[in-house]
């Protein structure tokens, strides 16, 4: 699978569109360089994806990220989410399918800020996104704002509260002590998000009944791994245990600088690694 294949899928889904731009008009558009990135971990749904460098700067101009207002931080505090994740008996895990790419850009002027070149049969073709993209500094703010705005359309209940405070970017983490309540919340979240053109995917739970429901809906995680990624940790739904991913540190580090560099690779806000 290559970047070209991914872009073809996105074109078929109406996420990107090919445009005709004469070279003399290139200056009127913002062209973003991109490269393929491989993610081979078991918990990754898309093993290869194009990553755009919106911080790229041309001589005499500023980058798109430099020129854009990144917005305020609307995300729930990560350590708070992790602590809440371990407070009840049952868990509900899920993420939004292609969350950023589901938020459309209505203005053609905005779309012209997300253009790129794609090589096909030795020829360069011009494309642009009709959505916001990963790599743009305002994208996390926009997604969280849209989710909260969408949640305000519904009565204040557990579902709308989860939309506002149980998401970290595009991942939802919710716990409860009653399987029936958590199952009803899962159904409500799916329906509410679908009304906003979002779809839940990669769902999982340590509740057997809820897991069977996810499987029947076709939303159950299909990573082929026994563990799920939860805010940087690995969670085992069968054992209901959480642990730090095996660190890939250089054990031969022999200077203070190298040791600090290696230990910083371990993401562990709850200090589980040191217990």
Protein backbone atom coordinates (compact mmCIF):
# COMPACT_ATOMS: atom_id res chain seq x y z
CA UNK A 1 0.00 0.00 0.00
CA UNK A 2 1.42 3.41 -0.95
CA UNK A 3 0.53 7.04 -0.53
CA UNK A 4 -0.96 6.99 -4.04
CA UNK A 5 -3.39 4.26 -2.98
CA UNK A 6 -4.42 6.25 0.12
CA UNK A 7 -4.94 9.39 -1.98
CA UNK A 8 -7.05 7.41 -4.46
CA UNK A 9 -9.26 6.24 -1.59
CA UNK A 10 -9.59 9.82 -0.36
CA UNK A 11 -10.51 11.04 -3.82
CA UNK A 12 -13.16 8.32 -4.12
CA UNK A 13 -14.61 9.42 -0.76
CA UNK A 14 -14.67 13.09 -1.78
CA UNK A 15 -12.01 14.11 0.76
CA UNK A 16 -9.61 15.48 -1.86
CA UNK A 17 -10.18 16.77 -5.37
CA UNK A 18 -7.96 17.26 -8.39
CA UNK A 19 -7.66 20.85 -9.59
CA UNK A 20 -6.16 22.46 -12.67
CA UNK A 21 -3.69 25.19 -11.74
CA UNK A 22 -1.47 26.83 -14.39
CA UNK A 23 2.12 27.25 -13.14
CA UNK A 24 1.77 31.02 -13.34
CA UNK A 25 -0.97 30.81 -10.67
CA UNK A 26 0.91 28.54 -8.24
CA UNK A 27 1.65 31.54 -6.04
CA UNK A 28 -2.06 31.98 -5.31
CA UNK A 29 -2.26 28.59 -3.58
CA UNK A 30 -0.59 27.08 -0.49
CA UNK A 31 1.31 23.93 -1.41
CA UNK A 32 2.14 21.55 1.42
CA UNK A 33 4.89 18.92 1.15
CA UNK A 34 4.03 15.40 2.27
CA UNK A 35 5.69 12.06 2.85
CA UNK A 36 4.51 8.54 3.73
CA UNK A 37 4.85 7.40 7.33
CA UNK A 38 4.71 3.75 8.35
CA UNK A 39 3.18 2.68 11.65
CA UNK A 40 3.59 -1.03 12.21
CA UNK A 41 2.27 -1.31 15.78
CA UNK A 42 -0.59 -3.76 16.26
CA UNK A 43 -2.91 -1.00 17.47
CA UNK A 44 -2.68 1.06 14.27
CA UNK A 45 -5.65 0.84 11.90
CA UNK A 46 -3.88 2.51 8.95
CA UNK A 47 -0.33 1.19 8.56
CA UNK A 48 0.73 3.84 6.06
CA UNK A 49 -0.53 7.38 5.85
CA UNK A 50 0.54 10.64 4.23
CA UNK A 51 1.86 13.20 6.71
CA UNK A 52 1.80 16.86 5.69
CA UNK A 53 4.38 19.38 6.83
CA UNK A 54 2.31 22.50 7.44
CA UNK A 55 5.34 24.08 9.13
CA UNK A 56 7.29 24.13 5.86
CA UNK A 57 8.62 27.61 5.14
CA UNK A 58 9.57 29.05 1.76
CA UNK A 59 12.03 31.88 1.44
CA UNK A 60 10.32 35.22 1.95
CA UNK A 61 7.14 33.79 3.49
CA UNK A 62 5.86 32.13 6.65
CA UNK A 63 4.51 28.62 7.01
CA UNK A 64 0.81 27.82 7.14
CA UNK A 65 1.12 26.87 10.82
CA UNK A 66 2.95 30.08 11.60
CA UNK A 67 0.26 32.18 9.92
CA UNK A 68 -2.69 30.33 11.47
CA UNK A 69 -4.17 30.79 14.92
CA UNK A 70 -3.95 27.38 16.65
CA UNK A 71 -6.95 28.02 18.88
CA UNK A 72 -7.25 27.39 22.61
CA UNK A 73 -6.75 24.05 24.31
CA UNK A 74 -10.20 22.43 24.62
CA UNK A 75 -8.96 18.89 25.29
CA UNK A 76 -9.61 17.17 28.59
CA UNK A 77 -6.49 16.89 30.75
CA UNK A 78 -4.71 13.63 29.86
CA UNK A 79 -3.65 12.53 33.39
CA UNK A 80 -7.23 13.21 34.54
CA UNK A 81 -8.59 10.97 31.78
CA UNK A 82 -6.12 8.20 32.65
CA UNK A 83 -7.05 8.32 36.35
CA UNK A 84 -10.78 8.34 35.53
CA UNK A 85 -10.19 5.40 33.19
CA UNK A 86 -9.28 3.21 36.20
CA UNK A 87 -12.11 4.28 38.52
CA UNK A 88 -14.94 1.93 37.46
CA UNK A 89 -15.37 -1.76 36.64
CA UNK A 90 -16.15 -1.62 32.90
CA UNK A 91 -14.62 0.42 30.09
CA UNK A 92 -15.71 1.66 26.68
CA UNK A 93 -12.98 2.44 24.15
CA UNK A 94 -13.47 3.80 20.64
CA UNK A 95 -12.21 6.33 18.16
CA UNK A 96 -13.75 8.36 15.38
CA UNK A 97 -13.06 7.11 11.88
CA UNK A 98 -10.96 9.67 9.94
CA UNK A 99 -12.11 12.34 12.38
CA UNK A 100 -10.20 15.29 10.90
CA UNK A 101 -11.13 14.36 7.35
CA UNK A 102 -14.83 14.43 8.22
CA UNK A 103 -14.77 18.20 8.87
CA UNK A 104 -15.40 19.89 5.54
CA UNK A 105 -14.08 23.24 4.36
CA UNK A 106 -16.94 25.17 2.81
CA UNK A 107 -14.93 28.07 1.42
CA UNK A 108 -12.88 27.53 -1.74
CA UNK A 109 -10.41 30.06 -0.35
CA UNK A 110 -9.83 27.78 2.65
CA UNK A 111 -9.45 24.71 0.43
CA UNK A 112 -6.77 26.52 -1.56
CA UNK A 113 -4.66 26.59 1.62
CA UNK A 114 -4.39 22.78 1.64
CA UNK A 115 -3.01 21.92 -1.78
CA UNK A 116 -0.38 19.38 -2.72
CA UNK A 117 1.30 17.77 -5.72
CA UNK A 118 0.96 14.08 -6.55
CA UNK A 119 3.15 12.29 -9.05
CA UNK A 120 1.36 9.93 -11.42
CA UNK A 121 3.14 8.25 -14.33
CA UNK A 122 5.96 10.80 -14.25
CA UNK A 123 3.48 13.69 -14.33
CA UNK A 124 2.66 16.06 -11.48
CA UNK A 125 -1.02 16.51 -10.66
CA UNK A 126 -2.50 19.22 -8.45
CA UNK A 127 -4.83 18.27 -5.62
CA UNK A 128 -6.41 20.00 -2.67
CA UNK A 129 -8.19 18.88 0.47
CA UNK A 130 -11.84 19.64 1.01
CA UNK A 131 -11.32 19.03 4.73
CA UNK A 132 -8.94 19.96 7.53
CA UNK A 133 -5.86 17.75 7.77
CA UNK A 134 -3.52 16.19 10.32
CA UNK A 135 -0.43 18.39 10.67
CA UNK A 136 -2.29 21.70 10.64
CA UNK A 137 -1.84 23.29 14.06
CA UNK A 138 -5.49 24.35 14.45
CA UNK A 139 -6.91 20.91 13.62
CA UNK A 140 -7.15 19.54 17.23
CA UNK A 141 -8.90 22.73 18.35
CA UNK A 142 -11.33 22.62 15.40
CA UNK A 143 -12.23 18.96 16.03
CA UNK A 144 -12.82 19.49 19.74
CA UNK A 145 -14.83 22.65 19.09
CA UNK A 146 -17.01 20.84 16.54
CA UNK A 147 -17.61 17.91 18.93
CA UNK A 148 -18.62 20.25 21.76
CA UNK A 149 -20.80 22.32 19.41
CA UNK A 150 -22.45 19.12 18.18
CA UNK A 151 -22.99 17.92 21.76
CA UNK A 152 -24.88 21.13 22.60
CA UNK A 153 -27.56 20.14 20.09
CA UNK A 154 -28.70 17.34 22.41
CA UNK A 155 -30.26 17.38 25.89
CA UNK A 156 -27.79 17.39 28.76
CA UNK A 157 -27.34 13.70 29.55
CA UNK A 158 -24.56 11.14 29.90
CA UNK A 159 -24.08 10.96 26.12
CA UNK A 160 -23.67 14.71 25.56
CA UNK A 161 -21.44 14.88 28.65
CA UNK A 162 -19.23 12.11 27.21
CA UNK A 163 -18.96 14.02 23.92
CA UNK A 164 -17.72 17.05 25.84
CA UNK A 165 -15.40 15.55 28.44
CA UNK A 166 -14.44 11.96 27.58
CA UNK A 167 -12.66 12.53 24.28
CA UNK A 168 -8.95 13.09 23.80
CA UNK A 169 -8.63 14.34 20.20
CA UNK A 170 -10.57 11.58 18.37
CA UNK A 171 -10.48 8.85 21.05
CA UNK A 172 -13.21 8.26 23.62
CA UNK A 173 -12.56 6.72 27.04
CA UNK A 174 -15.56 6.01 29.24
CA UNK A 175 -16.05 3.77 32.28
CA UNK A 176 -19.02 2.56 34.29
CA UNK A 177 -20.13 -0.06 36.81
CA UNK A 178 -23.27 -1.21 35.01
CA UNK A 179 -23.02 -3.08 31.66
CA UNK A 180 -26.53 -2.04 30.58
CA UNK A 181 -25.79 1.66 31.14
CA UNK A 182 -22.47 1.50 29.30
CA UNK A 183 -24.07 -0.42 26.43
CA UNK A 184 -26.83 2.19 26.13
CA UNK A 185 -24.20 4.94 26.13
CA UNK A 186 -22.29 3.18 23.34
CA UNK A 187 -25.47 3.09 21.23
CA UNK A 188 -26.27 6.74 21.98
CA UNK A 189 -22.73 7.85 21.10
CA UNK A 190 -22.88 6.03 17.77
CA UNK A 191 -26.21 7.59 16.87
CA UNK A 192 -25.29 11.10 18.04
CA UNK A 193 -21.94 11.10 16.24
CA UNK A 194 -23.50 9.70 13.07
CA UNK A 195 -25.80 12.72 12.96
CA UNK A 196 -22.67 14.86 12.80
CA UNK A 197 -21.16 12.76 9.97
CA UNK A 198 -18.81 10.94 12.37
CA UNK A 199 -18.55 7.16 12.77
CA UNK A 200 -17.16 5.20 15.70
CA UNK A 201 -14.62 2.49 14.93
CA UNK A 202 -12.02 0.34 16.73
CA UNK A 203 -14.34 -0.12 19.70
CA UNK A 204 -13.48 -2.42 22.60
CA UNK A 205 -14.48 -3.21 26.16
CA UNK A 206 -13.76 -5.58 29.04
CA UNK A 207 -17.52 -6.19 29.23
CA UNK A 208 -18.31 -9.40 27.32
CA UNK A 209 -21.91 -8.41 26.48
CA UNK A 210 -20.87 -5.00 25.16
CA UNK A 211 -18.04 -6.56 23.18
CA UNK A 212 -20.51 -8.91 21.47
CA UNK A 213 -22.72 -5.94 20.62
CA UNK A 214 -19.75 -4.13 19.06
CA UNK A 215 -18.92 -7.23 17.04
CA UNK A 216 -22.52 -7.44 15.77
CA UNK A 217 -22.36 -3.74 14.78
CA UNK A 218 -19.06 -4.24 12.94
CA UNK A 219 -17.27 -1.70 15.14
CA UNK A 220 -15.17 -4.06 17.26
CA UNK A 221 -11.44 -3.47 17.11
CA UNK A 222 -9.75 -5.71 14.54
CA UNK A 223 -6.09 -5.04 15.30
CA UNK A 224 -5.30 -8.68 15.92
CA UNK A 225 -3.63 -7.70 19.18
CA UNK A 226 -4.69 -8.48 22.73
CA UNK A 227 -3.93 -4.94 23.90
CA UNK A 228 -5.36 -1.51 23.12
CA UNK A 229 -3.52 1.80 23.15
CA UNK A 230 -4.97 4.03 25.88
CA UNK A 231 -3.39 7.48 26.15
CA UNK A 232 0.10 6.12 25.65
CA UNK A 233 -0.36 2.99 27.77
CA UNK A 234 -1.24 -0.57 26.74
CA UNK A 235 -4.55 -1.86 28.09
CA UNK A 236 -5.50 -5.54 28.13
CA UNK A 237 -9.34 -5.86 28.10
CA UNK A 238 -9.22 -9.54 29.07
CA UNK A 239 -6.96 -9.08 32.09
CA UNK A 240 -8.28 -5.55 32.74
CA UNK A 241 -4.70 -4.41 33.25
CA UNK A 242 -2.72 -1.40 32.10
CA UNK A 243 1.03 -1.23 31.53
CA UNK A 244 3.77 0.82 29.94
CA UNK A 245 4.72 -0.21 26.37
CA UNK A 246 8.12 -1.93 26.20
CA UNK A 247 10.62 0.93 25.93
CA UNK A 248 13.04 0.92 23.01
CA UNK A 249 15.87 2.55 24.93
CA UNK A 250 19.59 2.34 24.28
CA UNK A 251 20.94 0.44 27.27
CA UNK A 252 24.45 1.45 26.24
CA UNK A 253 23.80 5.13 27.00
CA UNK A 254 26.75 6.19 29.13
CA UNK A 255 26.52 9.98 29.48
CA UNK A 256 24.05 12.14 31.38
CA UNK A 257 22.86 13.70 28.12
CA UNK A 258 22.21 10.31 26.50
CA UNK A 259 20.55 8.87 29.59
CA UNK A 260 18.14 11.83 29.84
CA UNK A 261 17.43 11.48 26.13
CA UNK A 262 16.60 7.78 26.48
CA UNK A 263 14.48 8.06 29.63
CA UNK A 264 12.38 10.83 28.05
CA UNK A 265 11.23 8.29 25.45
CA UNK A 266 9.16 6.57 28.14
CA UNK A 267 5.72 8.22 28.26
CA UNK A 268 4.44 7.49 31.75
CA UNK A 269 2.49 10.33 33.46
CA UNK A 270 1.21 7.96 36.18
CA UNK A 271 4.77 6.72 36.94
CA UNK A 272 3.78 3.06 36.46
CA UNK A 273 7.23 2.38 35.04
CA UNK A 274 8.79 3.13 38.40
CA UNK A 275 6.39 1.12 40.57
